[in-house]
């Protein structure tokens, strides 16, 4: 990977977040990551459930706590 032309450490947090946003938006996941038709259908169903308000949402902290409690 080439070295960026900008000194990232010299940027403010706001500028770095803006850069991250630009990088993220430059990725076109639909074309860059191949997914099966079953995966596409599942994503569509989840998006529809989210819009309808029927998708069960979990708090990230609760999920991480549950994962950590399973470690041996």
Protein backbone atom coordinates (compact mmCIF):
# COMPACT_ATOMS: atom_id res chain seq x y z
CA UNK A 1 0.00 0.00 0.00
CA UNK A 2 1.30 3.43 -0.90
CA UNK A 3 2.05 5.97 1.81
CA UNK A 4 -0.68 8.66 1.98
CA UNK A 5 0.26 12.10 0.70
CA UNK A 6 -1.17 13.61 3.90
CA UNK A 7 0.34 13.32 7.39
CA UNK A 8 -2.65 11.67 9.05
CA UNK A 9 -1.35 12.42 12.53
CA UNK A 10 -1.38 16.14 11.74
CA UNK A 11 -5.14 16.06 11.03
CA UNK A 12 -7.72 16.92 13.67
CA UNK A 13 -10.12 14.21 14.85
CA UNK A 14 -12.84 15.83 12.77
CA UNK A 15 -10.65 15.79 9.67
CA UNK A 16 -9.66 12.15 10.23
CA UNK A 17 -13.31 11.17 10.67
CA UNK A 18 -14.12 12.99 7.43
CA UNK A 19 -11.35 11.07 5.70
CA UNK A 20 -12.67 7.78 7.08
CA UNK A 21 -16.14 8.68 5.82
CA UNK A 22 -14.78 9.46 2.35
CA UNK A 23 -12.88 6.16 2.27
CA UNK A 24 -15.92 4.21 3.45
CA UNK A 25 -18.18 5.82 0.87
CA UNK A 26 -15.64 5.07 -1.85
CA UNK A 27 -16.17 1.37 -1.26
CA UNK A 28 -19.02 -0.03 -3.28
CA UNK A 29 -19.75 -3.17 -1.29
CA UNK A 30 -22.35 -4.41 -3.75
CA UNK A 31 -19.68 -4.74 -6.41
CA UNK A 32 -16.55 -5.36 -4.35
CA UNK A 33 -17.76 -8.25 -2.21
CA UNK A 34 -19.44 -11.13 -3.98
CA UNK A 35 -22.48 -12.44 -2.14
CA UNK A 36 -24.83 -15.27 -2.92
CA UNK A 37 -28.48 -14.76 -3.81
CA UNK A 38 -29.39 -16.24 -0.39
CA UNK A 39 -27.20 -13.65 1.33
CA UNK A 40 -28.73 -10.88 -0.78
CA UNK A 41 -32.23 -12.09 0.15
CA UNK A 42 -31.30 -12.16 3.85
CA UNK A 43 -29.90 -8.62 3.69
CA UNK A 44 -33.05 -7.43 1.93
CA UNK A 45 -35.27 -9.10 4.54
CA UNK A 46 -33.28 -7.53 7.39
CA UNK A 47 -33.43 -4.08 5.79
CA UNK A 48 -37.20 -4.41 5.38
CA UNK A 49 -37.59 -5.57 8.99
CA UNK A 50 -35.52 -2.61 10.15
CA UNK A 51 -37.71 -0.18 8.20
CA UNK A 52 -40.85 -1.86 9.56
CA UNK A 53 -39.55 -1.66 13.13
CA UNK A 54 -39.76 -5.41 13.62
CA UNK A 55 -36.04 -6.17 13.67
CA UNK A 56 -34.75 -7.10 17.12
CA UNK A 57 -31.92 -4.75 18.00
CA UNK A 58 -29.26 -5.70 20.51
CA UNK A 59 -27.05 -3.35 22.50
CA UNK A 60 -23.40 -3.81 21.53
CA UNK A 61 -22.31 -3.78 25.17
CA UNK A 62 -24.73 -6.60 25.98
CA UNK A 63 -23.50 -8.63 23.02
CA UNK A 64 -19.85 -8.16 23.98
CA UNK A 65 -20.61 -9.08 27.60
CA UNK A 66 -22.34 -12.26 26.44
CA UNK A 67 -19.37 -13.17 24.22
CA UNK A 68 -16.86 -12.48 26.97
CA UNK A 69 -18.80 -14.57 29.48
CA UNK A 70 -18.53 -17.60 27.17
CA UNK A 71 -14.74 -17.56 27.09
CA UNK A 72 -13.04 -20.31 29.01
